[in-house]
């Protein structure tokens, strides 16, 4: 398999690199202008110059808005989908370019996942869910069937969303929240049951 340049040498970048290795990438390096003195991220090099076999890029920036902006600036529309072999993804699910599916995730039948989405450690996305572009479903979060999550929204660690709920764009759902009702665009919610913060 070809090499991979990972944009963003953060902790999340390490997860992306580990997933990429599990997917068969062997020549991995990071590119990150925010830490010019950094030469490695774990055991992977940080460089501004792709190696000869490193022809593919993947965005590992955790901030949803920044990731969306970088996709546009760097023309990453054809970037690969990375699915850890320890994840379970239905053959009937659809995943957009640049999506990351980390170990322990479950994506069930007819889920539709947008571009540049992060499906983090051990989250689950049940049947017929829709997750918008550049959203982030955090570790251990659970989306029941027919949930809709808007673009650039962030579902916090361990949050639970009841079936049929619609979550708007640019929403933040706090860690451990239990979402029982629809959430409008731009809202910040938390608690059990989830309420506006």
N, C-alpha and C. Protein backbone atom coordinates (compact mmCIF):
# COMPACT_ATOMS: atom_id res chain seq x y z
N UNK A 1 0.85 -1.18 0.00
CA UNK A 1 0.00 0.00 0.00
C UNK A 1 0.89 1.24 0.00
N UNK A 2 0.41 2.34 -0.55
CA UNK A 2 1.19 3.56 -0.62
C UNK A 2 1.38 4.17 0.75
N UNK A 3 2.29 5.14 0.83
CA UNK A 3 2.51 5.86 2.07
C UNK A 3 1.38 6.83 2.34
N UNK A 4 1.42 7.44 3.53
CA UNK A 4 0.36 8.34 3.95
C UNK A 4 0.95 9.52 4.69
N UNK A 5 0.59 10.72 4.27
CA UNK A 5 0.91 11.94 5.02
C UNK A 5 -0.32 12.28 5.84
N UNK A 6 -0.14 12.40 7.14
CA UNK A 6 -1.25 12.74 8.03
C UNK A 6 -1.12 14.20 8.42
N UNK A 7 -2.16 14.97 8.13
CA UNK A 7 -2.18 16.39 8.45
C UNK A 7 -2.66 16.54 9.89
N UNK A 8 -1.78 17.01 10.77
CA UNK A 8 -2.11 17.20 12.17
C UNK A 8 -1.41 16.18 13.06
N UNK A 9 -0.37 16.63 13.78
CA UNK A 9 0.46 15.74 14.60
C UNK A 9 0.05 15.79 16.07
N UNK A 10 -1.22 15.64 16.33
CA UNK A 10 -1.74 15.68 17.70
C UNK A 10 -1.91 14.26 18.23
N UNK A 11 -2.51 14.15 19.41
CA UNK A 11 -2.86 12.84 19.94
C UNK A 11 -3.83 12.12 19.02
N UNK A 12 -4.80 12.85 18.48
CA UNK A 12 -5.73 12.24 17.53
C UNK A 12 -4.97 11.72 16.31
N UNK A 13 -3.93 12.44 15.92
CA UNK A 13 -3.10 11.98 14.81
C UNK A 13 -2.48 10.61 15.06
N UNK A 14 -2.11 10.36 16.31
CA UNK A 14 -1.57 9.03 16.65
C UNK A 14 -2.61 7.93 16.41
N UNK A 15 -3.86 8.23 16.75
CA UNK A 15 -4.94 7.26 16.52
C UNK A 15 -5.11 7.02 15.02
N UNK A 16 -5.04 8.09 14.24
CA UNK A 16 -5.15 7.96 12.79
C UNK A 16 -3.98 7.12 12.25
N UNK A 17 -2.77 7.41 12.72
CA UNK A 17 -1.59 6.66 12.25
C UNK A 17 -1.70 5.18 12.62
N UNK A 18 -2.13 4.90 13.84
CA UNK A 18 -2.30 3.51 14.27
C UNK A 18 -3.33 2.80 13.40
N UNK A 19 -4.45 3.48 13.12
CA UNK A 19 -5.49 2.91 12.27
C UNK A 19 -4.96 2.70 10.85
N UNK A 20 -4.20 3.68 10.35
CA UNK A 20 -3.64 3.56 9.00
C UNK A 20 -2.70 2.36 8.91
N UNK A 21 -1.86 2.16 9.93
CA UNK A 21 -0.98 0.99 9.94
C UNK A 21 -1.80 -0.30 9.92
N UNK A 22 -2.86 -0.33 10.72
CA UNK A 22 -3.72 -1.53 10.75
C UNK A 22 -4.39 -1.77 9.40
N UNK A 23 -4.56 -0.70 8.62
CA UNK A 23 -5.15 -0.80 7.28
C UNK A 23 -4.12 -1.15 6.20
N UNK A 24 -2.83 -1.24 6.58
CA UNK A 24 -1.81 -1.64 5.63
C UNK A 24 -0.85 -0.56 5.17
N UNK A 25 -1.01 0.68 5.63
CA UNK A 25 -0.04 1.72 5.29
C UNK A 25 1.22 1.49 6.10
N UNK A 26 2.38 1.55 5.42
CA UNK A 26 3.63 1.26 6.12
C UNK A 26 4.57 2.45 6.17
N UNK A 27 4.41 3.41 5.31
CA UNK A 27 5.29 4.59 5.23
C UNK A 27 4.45 5.81 5.62
N UNK A 28 4.42 6.11 6.92
CA UNK A 28 3.54 7.15 7.46
C UNK A 28 4.38 8.29 8.02
N UNK A 29 3.98 9.51 7.72
CA UNK A 29 4.62 10.70 8.29
C UNK A 29 3.55 11.76 8.54
N UNK A 30 3.86 12.67 9.45
CA UNK A 30 2.96 13.76 9.80
C UNK A 30 3.43 15.06 9.18
N UNK A 31 2.47 15.93 8.95
CA UNK A 31 2.75 17.30 8.52
C UNK A 31 1.94 18.21 9.44
N UNK A 32 2.62 19.14 10.11
CA UNK A 32 1.92 20.04 11.04
C UNK A 32 2.74 21.30 11.23
N UNK A 33 2.22 22.42 10.73
CA UNK A 33 2.95 23.69 10.84
C UNK A 33 2.82 24.34 12.21
N UNK A 34 1.91 23.85 13.04
CA UNK A 34 1.70 24.46 14.35
C UNK A 34 2.80 24.13 15.35
N UNK A 35 3.52 23.05 15.12
CA UNK A 35 4.63 22.67 16.01
C UNK A 35 5.88 22.47 15.18
N UNK A 36 6.50 23.58 14.71
CA UNK A 36 7.64 23.44 13.79
C UNK A 36 8.85 22.75 14.40
N UNK A 37 8.98 22.77 15.74
CA UNK A 37 10.12 22.12 16.38
C UNK A 37 9.91 20.62 16.59
N UNK A 38 8.70 20.12 16.39
CA UNK A 38 8.39 18.72 16.60
C UNK A 38 8.93 17.88 15.43
N UNK A 39 9.72 16.85 15.75
CA UNK A 39 10.29 15.99 14.71
C UNK A 39 9.64 14.61 14.66
N UNK A 40 8.97 14.22 15.77
CA UNK A 40 8.26 12.94 15.77
C UNK A 40 6.94 13.10 16.53
N UNK A 41 6.01 12.23 16.20
CA UNK A 41 4.77 12.08 16.95
C UNK A 41 4.68 10.59 17.25
N UNK A 42 4.95 10.23 18.52
CA UNK A 42 5.20 8.84 18.89
C UNK A 42 6.41 8.38 18.08
N UNK A 43 6.31 7.31 17.32
CA UNK A 43 7.48 6.87 16.55
C UNK A 43 7.41 7.27 15.08
N UNK A 44 6.39 8.02 14.68
CA UNK A 44 6.25 8.45 13.29
C UNK A 44 6.89 9.83 13.11
N UNK A 45 7.57 10.06 11.99
CA UNK A 45 8.23 11.36 11.77
C UNK A 45 7.24 12.47 11.45
N UNK A 46 7.61 13.68 11.84
CA UNK A 46 6.88 14.89 11.44
C UNK A 46 7.76 15.60 10.43
N UNK A 47 7.23 15.78 9.24
CA UNK A 47 8.00 16.38 8.17
C UNK A 47 7.10 17.26 7.32
N UNK A 48 7.68 18.24 6.69
CA UNK A 48 6.91 19.07 5.76
C UNK A 48 7.01 18.56 4.34
N UNK A 49 7.82 17.53 4.12
CA UNK A 49 8.08 17.04 2.76
C UNK A 49 7.64 15.58 2.65
N UNK A 50 6.66 15.29 1.81
CA UNK A 50 6.25 13.89 1.63
C UNK A 50 7.37 13.04 1.05
N UNK A 51 7.48 11.79 1.50
CA UNK A 51 8.43 10.84 0.91
C UNK A 51 7.96 10.41 -0.47
N UNK A 52 8.81 9.69 -1.18
CA UNK A 52 8.49 9.30 -2.56
C UNK A 52 7.23 8.47 -2.65
N UNK A 53 7.01 7.58 -1.66
CA UNK A 53 5.83 6.72 -1.75
C UNK A 53 4.62 7.32 -1.04
N UNK A 54 4.81 8.50 -0.46
CA UNK A 54 3.73 9.11 0.31
C UNK A 54 2.92 10.04 -0.58
N UNK A 55 1.98 9.45 -1.30
CA UNK A 55 1.22 10.21 -2.27
C UNK A 55 -0.19 10.54 -1.78
N UNK A 56 -0.58 9.99 -0.65
CA UNK A 56 -1.94 10.16 -0.15
C UNK A 56 -1.90 10.95 1.15
N UNK A 57 -2.90 11.83 1.35
CA UNK A 57 -2.99 12.60 2.59
C UNK A 57 -4.29 12.25 3.32
N UNK A 58 -4.24 12.41 4.65
CA UNK A 58 -5.43 12.19 5.49
C UNK A 58 -5.42 13.26 6.57
N UNK A 59 -6.56 13.92 6.79
CA UNK A 59 -6.66 14.99 7.77
C UNK A 59 -6.99 14.43 9.14
N UNK A 60 -6.08 14.68 10.11
CA UNK A 60 -6.25 14.19 11.48
C UNK A 60 -6.45 15.34 12.46
N UNK A 61 -7.10 16.39 12.01
CA UNK A 61 -7.38 17.54 12.87
C UNK A 61 -8.73 17.30 13.54
N UNK A 62 -8.74 17.31 14.87
CA UNK A 62 -9.95 16.98 15.62
C UNK A 62 -11.02 18.06 15.60
N UNK A 63 -10.63 19.32 15.47
CA UNK A 63 -11.59 20.42 15.45
C UNK A 63 -12.42 20.34 14.17
N UNK A 64 -13.73 20.22 14.31
CA UNK A 64 -14.60 19.99 13.16
C UNK A 64 -14.53 21.10 12.12
N UNK A 65 -14.57 22.37 12.55
CA UNK A 65 -14.52 23.49 11.61
C UNK A 65 -13.17 23.55 10.90
N UNK A 66 -12.09 23.35 11.66
CA UNK A 66 -10.75 23.37 11.05
C UNK A 66 -10.58 22.23 10.06
N UNK A 67 -11.10 21.05 10.39
CA UNK A 67 -11.01 19.91 9.48
C UNK A 67 -11.76 20.21 8.18
N UNK A 68 -12.93 20.80 8.29
CA UNK A 68 -13.70 21.16 7.09
C UNK A 68 -12.94 22.16 6.23
N UNK A 69 -12.33 23.14 6.88
CA UNK A 69 -11.56 24.15 6.15
C UNK A 69 -10.35 23.52 5.43
N UNK A 70 -9.64 22.63 6.13
CA UNK A 70 -8.47 21.99 5.53
C UNK A 70 -8.86 21.09 4.36
N UNK A 71 -10.00 20.41 4.45
CA UNK A 71 -10.46 19.60 3.33
C UNK A 71 -10.59 20.46 2.08
N UNK A 72 -11.12 21.66 2.25
CA UNK A 72 -11.28 22.57 1.12
C UNK A 72 -9.93 23.09 0.63
N UNK A 73 -9.12 23.59 1.55
CA UNK A 73 -7.83 24.19 1.18
C UNK A 73 -6.88 23.20 0.53
N UNK A 74 -6.86 21.97 1.02
CA UNK A 74 -5.92 20.96 0.53
C UNK A 74 -6.52 20.01 -0.50
N UNK A 75 -7.76 20.29 -0.92
CA UNK A 75 -8.46 19.47 -1.92
C UNK A 75 -8.41 17.99 -1.54
N UNK A 76 -8.93 17.66 -0.36
CA UNK A 76 -8.87 16.30 0.17
C UNK A 76 -10.13 15.48 -0.14
N UNK A 77 -10.88 15.88 -1.14
CA UNK A 77 -12.13 15.20 -1.45
C UNK A 77 -11.95 13.73 -1.82
N UNK A 78 -10.75 13.34 -2.26
CA UNK A 78 -10.50 11.95 -2.65
C UNK A 78 -9.64 11.21 -1.63
N UNK A 79 -9.53 11.76 -0.44
CA UNK A 79 -8.73 11.12 0.59
C UNK A 79 -9.37 9.79 1.00
N UNK A 80 -8.58 8.82 1.47
CA UNK A 80 -9.15 7.50 1.76
C UNK A 80 -10.05 7.48 2.99
N UNK A 81 -10.82 6.43 3.09
CA UNK A 81 -11.59 6.10 4.29
C UNK A 81 -10.73 5.12 5.08
N UNK A 82 -10.52 5.39 6.35
CA UNK A 82 -9.73 4.50 7.20
C UNK A 82 -10.66 3.78 8.17
N UNK A 83 -10.74 2.46 8.05
CA UNK A 83 -11.57 1.64 8.93
C UNK A 83 -10.67 0.64 9.63
N UNK A 84 -10.54 0.79 10.94
CA UNK A 84 -9.72 -0.14 11.71
C UNK A 84 -10.29 -1.55 11.58
N UNK A 85 -9.44 -2.58 11.42
CA UNK A 85 -9.95 -3.94 11.31
C UNK A 85 -10.73 -4.41 12.53
N UNK A 86 -10.56 -3.71 13.66
CA UNK A 86 -11.32 -4.05 14.87
C UNK A 86 -12.66 -3.35 14.95
N UNK A 87 -13.06 -2.67 13.88
CA UNK A 87 -14.38 -2.05 13.80
C UNK A 87 -15.31 -2.97 13.02
N UNK A 88 -16.62 -2.81 13.23
CA UNK A 88 -17.61 -3.57 12.49
C UNK A 88 -18.45 -2.58 11.69
N UNK A 89 -18.34 -2.65 10.38
CA UNK A 89 -19.08 -1.74 9.50
C UNK A 89 -19.92 -2.58 8.54
N UNK A 90 -21.22 -2.37 8.57
CA UNK A 90 -22.12 -3.10 7.68
C UNK A 90 -21.75 -2.83 6.23
N UNK A 91 -21.86 -3.86 5.41
CA UNK A 91 -21.61 -3.66 3.98
C UNK A 91 -22.67 -2.76 3.36
N UNK A 92 -23.76 -2.52 4.06
CA UNK A 92 -24.82 -1.65 3.56
C UNK A 92 -24.71 -0.21 4.08
N UNK A 93 -23.69 0.05 4.86
CA UNK A 93 -23.45 1.43 5.32
C UNK A 93 -22.69 2.19 4.23
N UNK A 94 -22.86 3.51 4.22
CA UNK A 94 -22.14 4.37 3.28
C UNK A 94 -21.25 5.30 4.08
N UNK A 95 -19.97 5.40 3.66
CA UNK A 95 -19.02 6.28 4.34
C UNK A 95 -18.39 7.22 3.34
N UNK A 96 -18.30 8.50 3.72
CA UNK A 96 -17.71 9.50 2.85
C UNK A 96 -16.20 9.54 2.94
N UNK A 97 -15.58 10.18 1.95
CA UNK A 97 -14.12 10.31 1.89
C UNK A 97 -13.58 10.93 3.17
N UNK A 98 -12.40 10.47 3.57
CA UNK A 98 -11.72 11.06 4.72
C UNK A 98 -12.34 10.72 6.06
N UNK A 99 -13.22 9.75 6.10
CA UNK A 99 -13.84 9.34 7.36
C UNK A 99 -12.92 8.35 8.07
N UNK A 100 -12.85 8.48 9.39
CA UNK A 100 -12.06 7.60 10.24
C UNK A 100 -13.00 6.78 11.11
N UNK A 101 -12.84 5.45 11.08
CA UNK A 101 -13.61 4.54 11.92
C UNK A 101 -12.60 3.80 12.80
N UNK A 102 -12.61 4.10 14.10
CA UNK A 102 -11.59 3.62 15.02
C UNK A 102 -12.00 2.25 15.57
N UNK A 103 -11.04 1.57 16.18
CA UNK A 103 -11.27 0.23 16.75
C UNK A 103 -12.47 0.23 17.69
N UNK A 104 -13.25 -0.83 17.60
CA UNK A 104 -14.39 -1.02 18.49
C UNK A 104 -15.67 -0.36 18.02
N UNK A 105 -15.63 0.43 16.97
CA UNK A 105 -16.85 1.08 16.45
C UNK A 105 -17.75 0.05 15.79
N UNK A 106 -19.05 0.33 15.85
CA UNK A 106 -20.03 -0.46 15.11
C UNK A 106 -20.87 0.53 14.29
N UNK A 107 -20.93 0.28 12.99
CA UNK A 107 -21.76 1.08 12.08
C UNK A 107 -22.71 0.10 11.40
N UNK A 108 -23.99 0.24 11.69
CA UNK A 108 -24.97 -0.74 11.24
C UNK A 108 -25.57 -0.41 9.87
N UNK A 109 -26.43 -1.29 9.42
CA UNK A 109 -26.98 -1.26 8.07
C UNK A 109 -27.67 0.05 7.74
N UNK A 110 -27.36 0.55 6.56
CA UNK A 110 -27.98 1.73 5.96
C UNK A 110 -27.71 3.02 6.73
N UNK A 111 -26.67 3.01 7.55
CA UNK A 111 -26.19 4.27 8.10
C UNK A 111 -25.47 5.02 6.97
N UNK A 112 -25.62 6.32 6.94
CA UNK A 112 -24.97 7.16 5.93
C UNK A 112 -24.07 8.16 6.64
N UNK A 113 -22.77 8.00 6.47
CA UNK A 113 -21.77 8.80 7.16
C UNK A 113 -21.15 9.75 6.14
N UNK A 114 -21.08 11.02 6.48
CA UNK A 114 -20.60 12.04 5.56
C UNK A 114 -19.09 12.04 5.36
N UNK A 115 -18.60 13.12 4.80
CA UNK A 115 -17.18 13.33 4.49
C UNK A 115 -16.45 13.81 5.74
N UNK A 116 -15.24 13.31 5.97
CA UNK A 116 -14.38 13.81 7.03
C UNK A 116 -14.91 13.60 8.43
N UNK A 117 -15.70 12.56 8.64
CA UNK A 117 -16.31 12.28 9.94
C UNK A 117 -15.33 11.48 10.80
N UNK A 118 -15.35 11.72 12.11
CA UNK A 118 -14.59 10.91 13.07
C UNK A 118 -15.59 10.05 13.83
N UNK A 119 -15.47 8.73 13.68
CA UNK A 119 -16.22 7.78 14.49
C UNK A 119 -15.21 7.19 15.45
N UNK A 120 -15.18 7.71 16.66
CA UNK A 120 -14.11 7.43 17.60
C UNK A 120 -14.32 6.11 18.34
N UNK A 121 -13.35 5.76 19.16
CA UNK A 121 -13.24 4.45 19.81
C UNK A 121 -14.56 3.97 20.40
N UNK A 122 -14.98 2.78 19.95
CA UNK A 122 -16.12 2.06 20.53
C UNK A 122 -17.43 2.83 20.52
N UNK A 123 -17.60 3.75 19.56
CA UNK A 123 -18.91 4.38 19.42
C UNK A 123 -19.79 3.46 18.58
N UNK A 124 -21.10 3.71 18.61
CA UNK A 124 -21.97 2.92 17.75
C UNK A 124 -22.97 3.84 17.04
N UNK A 125 -23.17 3.52 15.77
CA UNK A 125 -24.10 4.25 14.90
C UNK A 125 -25.05 3.19 14.35
N UNK A 126 -26.30 3.24 14.79
CA UNK A 126 -27.21 2.16 14.45
C UNK A 126 -27.85 2.37 13.07
N UNK A 127 -28.76 1.48 12.74
CA UNK A 127 -29.38 1.45 11.41
C UNK A 127 -30.03 2.77 11.03
N UNK A 128 -29.89 3.11 9.76
CA UNK A 128 -30.57 4.26 9.15
C UNK A 128 -30.20 5.60 9.74
N UNK A 129 -29.09 5.69 10.48
CA UNK A 129 -28.62 6.99 10.97
C UNK A 129 -27.97 7.77 9.84
N UNK A 130 -27.99 9.08 9.98
CA UNK A 130 -27.29 9.97 9.06
C UNK A 130 -26.37 10.85 9.89
N UNK A 131 -25.08 10.85 9.55
CA UNK A 131 -24.10 11.69 10.25
C UNK A 131 -23.51 12.63 9.21
N UNK A 132 -23.68 13.95 9.43
CA UNK A 132 -23.26 14.96 8.47
C UNK A 132 -21.76 15.12 8.37
N UNK A 133 -21.33 15.81 7.32
CA UNK A 133 -19.93 16.05 7.05
C UNK A 133 -19.23 16.69 8.25
N UNK A 134 -18.02 16.20 8.54
CA UNK A 134 -17.11 16.76 9.55
C UNK A 134 -17.65 16.70 10.97
N UNK A 135 -18.61 15.81 11.21
CA UNK A 135 -19.09 15.59 12.57
C UNK A 135 -18.10 14.69 13.31
N UNK A 136 -18.24 14.63 14.63
CA UNK A 136 -17.38 13.79 15.47
C UNK A 136 -18.27 13.07 16.48
N UNK A 137 -18.25 11.74 16.42
CA UNK A 137 -18.95 10.92 17.40
C UNK A 137 -17.87 10.37 18.33
N UNK A 138 -17.86 10.83 19.56
CA UNK A 138 -16.76 10.57 20.50
C UNK A 138 -16.76 9.13 21.01
N UNK A 139 -15.66 8.75 21.70
CA UNK A 139 -15.58 7.39 22.24
C UNK A 139 -16.79 7.02 23.10
N UNK A 140 -17.30 5.83 22.84
CA UNK A 140 -18.39 5.30 23.65
C UNK A 140 -19.75 5.93 23.45
N UNK A 141 -19.86 6.89 22.53
CA UNK A 141 -21.18 7.50 22.27
C UNK A 141 -22.05 6.50 21.52
N UNK A 142 -23.37 6.60 21.71
CA UNK A 142 -24.31 5.67 21.11
C UNK A 142 -25.43 6.42 20.40
N UNK A 143 -25.59 6.13 19.11
CA UNK A 143 -26.70 6.68 18.34
C UNK A 143 -27.66 5.53 18.06
N UNK A 144 -28.89 5.61 18.56
CA UNK A 144 -29.90 4.59 18.25
C UNK A 144 -30.34 4.74 16.79
N UNK A 145 -31.23 3.89 16.34
CA UNK A 145 -31.65 3.91 14.95
C UNK A 145 -32.33 5.20 14.53
N UNK A 146 -32.15 5.55 13.26
CA UNK A 146 -32.81 6.70 12.63
C UNK A 146 -32.44 8.04 13.26
N UNK A 147 -31.27 8.15 13.83
CA UNK A 147 -30.80 9.44 14.37
C UNK A 147 -30.14 10.21 13.24
N UNK A 148 -30.34 11.52 13.25
CA UNK A 148 -29.70 12.41 12.29
C UNK A 148 -28.80 13.38 13.05
N UNK A 149 -27.53 13.44 12.65
CA UNK A 149 -26.57 14.37 13.26
C UNK A 149 -26.09 15.31 12.17
N UNK A 150 -26.23 16.61 12.39
CA UNK A 150 -25.87 17.60 11.38
C UNK A 150 -24.38 17.80 11.23
N UNK A 151 -24.02 18.51 10.17
CA UNK A 151 -22.62 18.79 9.84
C UNK A 151 -21.92 19.50 11.00
N UNK A 152 -20.68 19.12 11.21
CA UNK A 152 -19.76 19.74 12.18
C UNK A 152 -20.23 19.60 13.63
N UNK A 153 -21.20 18.76 13.90
CA UNK A 153 -21.66 18.56 15.28
C UNK A 153 -20.75 17.58 15.99
N UNK A 154 -20.73 17.71 17.31
CA UNK A 154 -19.86 16.89 18.15
C UNK A 154 -20.71 16.22 19.22
N UNK A 155 -20.71 14.90 19.22
CA UNK A 155 -21.42 14.12 20.23
C UNK A 155 -20.37 13.66 21.24
N UNK A 156 -20.46 14.15 22.47
CA UNK A 156 -19.44 13.94 23.49
C UNK A 156 -19.30 12.50 23.95
N UNK A 157 -18.20 12.24 24.63
CA UNK A 157 -17.86 10.89 25.08
C UNK A 157 -18.99 10.31 25.94
N UNK A 158 -19.40 9.09 25.61
CA UNK A 158 -20.41 8.38 26.38
C UNK A 158 -21.82 8.91 26.26
N UNK A 159 -22.07 9.86 25.36
CA UNK A 159 -23.43 10.38 25.19
C UNK A 159 -24.31 9.31 24.52
N UNK A 160 -25.61 9.40 24.78
CA UNK A 160 -26.59 8.46 24.22
C UNK A 160 -27.69 9.28 23.55
N UNK A 161 -28.04 8.90 22.32
CA UNK A 161 -29.09 9.61 21.58
C UNK A 161 -30.20 8.62 21.25
N UNK A 162 -31.42 8.93 21.70
CA UNK A 162 -32.59 8.08 21.49
C UNK A 162 -32.96 7.99 20.01
N UNK A 163 -33.61 6.90 19.64
CA UNK A 163 -33.98 6.66 18.24
C UNK A 163 -34.86 7.80 17.71
N UNK A 164 -34.61 8.11 16.44
CA UNK A 164 -35.43 9.08 15.74
C UNK A 164 -35.13 10.53 16.03
N UNK A 165 -34.16 10.82 16.87
CA UNK A 165 -33.84 12.20 17.23
C UNK A 165 -33.05 12.87 16.11
N UNK A 166 -33.33 14.15 15.88
CA UNK A 166 -32.61 14.95 14.90
C UNK A 166 -31.76 15.99 15.63
N UNK A 167 -30.47 15.96 15.38
CA UNK A 167 -29.53 16.91 15.98
C UNK A 167 -29.04 17.82 14.85
N UNK A 168 -29.15 19.12 15.05
CA UNK A 168 -28.82 20.08 14.00
C UNK A 168 -27.34 20.19 13.70
N UNK A 169 -26.99 21.21 12.91
CA UNK A 169 -25.59 21.47 12.56
C UNK A 169 -24.92 22.26 13.68
N UNK A 170 -23.61 22.08 13.79
CA UNK A 170 -22.77 22.81 14.75
C UNK A 170 -23.26 22.68 16.18
N UNK A 171 -23.78 21.53 16.54
CA UNK A 171 -24.26 21.25 17.89
C UNK A 171 -23.15 20.60 18.70
N UNK A 172 -23.10 20.89 20.00
CA UNK A 172 -22.23 20.17 20.92
C UNK A 172 -23.11 19.48 21.95
N UNK A 173 -22.97 18.15 22.03
CA UNK A 173 -23.66 17.34 23.03
C UNK A 173 -22.61 16.95 24.07
N UNK A 174 -22.81 17.35 25.32
CA UNK A 174 -21.83 17.12 26.36
C UNK A 174 -21.62 15.66 26.69
N UNK A 175 -20.48 15.39 27.33
CA UNK A 175 -20.13 14.03 27.74
C UNK A 175 -21.21 13.45 28.63
N UNK A 176 -21.59 12.21 28.36
CA UNK A 176 -22.54 11.50 29.19
C UNK A 176 -23.98 11.95 29.08
N UNK A 177 -24.26 12.86 28.18
CA UNK A 177 -25.63 13.35 28.03
C UNK A 177 -26.55 12.26 27.48
N UNK A 178 -27.83 12.38 27.81
CA UNK A 178 -28.86 11.49 27.26
C UNK A 178 -29.83 12.38 26.48
N UNK A 179 -29.79 12.26 25.16
CA UNK A 179 -30.58 13.13 24.28
C UNK A 179 -31.88 12.41 23.93
N UNK A 180 -33.00 13.00 24.37
CA UNK A 180 -34.31 12.40 24.15
C UNK A 180 -35.14 13.16 23.13
N UNK A 181 -34.75 14.41 22.83
CA UNK A 181 -35.53 15.26 21.93
C UNK A 181 -34.62 15.91 20.89
N UNK A 182 -35.23 16.40 19.82
CA UNK A 182 -34.48 17.08 18.76
C UNK A 182 -33.72 18.28 19.33
N UNK A 183 -32.59 18.60 18.68
CA UNK A 183 -31.76 19.73 19.10
C UNK A 183 -31.56 20.65 17.90
N UNK A 184 -31.80 21.94 18.09
CA UNK A 184 -31.70 22.90 17.00
C UNK A 184 -30.23 23.23 16.70
N UNK A 185 -30.00 23.78 15.50
CA UNK A 185 -28.66 24.17 15.05
C UNK A 185 -27.96 25.04 16.09
N UNK A 186 -26.67 24.79 16.28
CA UNK A 186 -25.82 25.64 17.10
C UNK A 186 -25.99 25.49 18.60
N UNK A 187 -26.86 24.60 19.06
CA UNK A 187 -27.12 24.47 20.50
C UNK A 187 -25.98 23.73 21.20
N UNK A 188 -25.86 24.01 22.51
CA UNK A 188 -24.95 23.29 23.40
C UNK A 188 -25.84 22.65 24.46
N UNK A 189 -25.77 21.31 24.56
CA UNK A 189 -26.63 20.62 25.52
C UNK A 189 -25.82 19.67 26.37
N UNK A 190 -26.35 19.37 27.54
CA UNK A 190 -25.73 18.40 28.42
C UNK A 190 -26.71 17.94 29.47
N UNK A 191 -26.35 16.87 30.20
CA UNK A 191 -27.16 16.39 31.30
C UNK A 191 -28.04 15.22 30.94
N UNK A 192 -28.78 14.76 31.96
CA UNK A 192 -29.69 13.61 31.82
C UNK A 192 -31.04 14.01 32.38
N UNK A 193 -32.05 14.23 31.55
CA UNK A 193 -31.96 14.28 30.09
C UNK A 193 -31.26 15.56 29.64
N UNK A 194 -30.80 15.57 28.39
CA UNK A 194 -30.04 16.71 27.87
C UNK A 194 -30.89 17.96 27.79
N UNK A 195 -30.31 19.08 28.25
CA UNK A 195 -30.95 20.40 28.17
C UNK A 195 -29.90 21.40 27.69
N UNK A 196 -30.38 22.55 27.19
CA UNK A 196 -29.46 23.61 26.75
C UNK A 196 -28.57 24.06 27.90
N UNK A 197 -27.33 24.29 27.58
CA UNK A 197 -26.37 24.80 28.57
C UNK A 197 -26.22 26.29 28.35
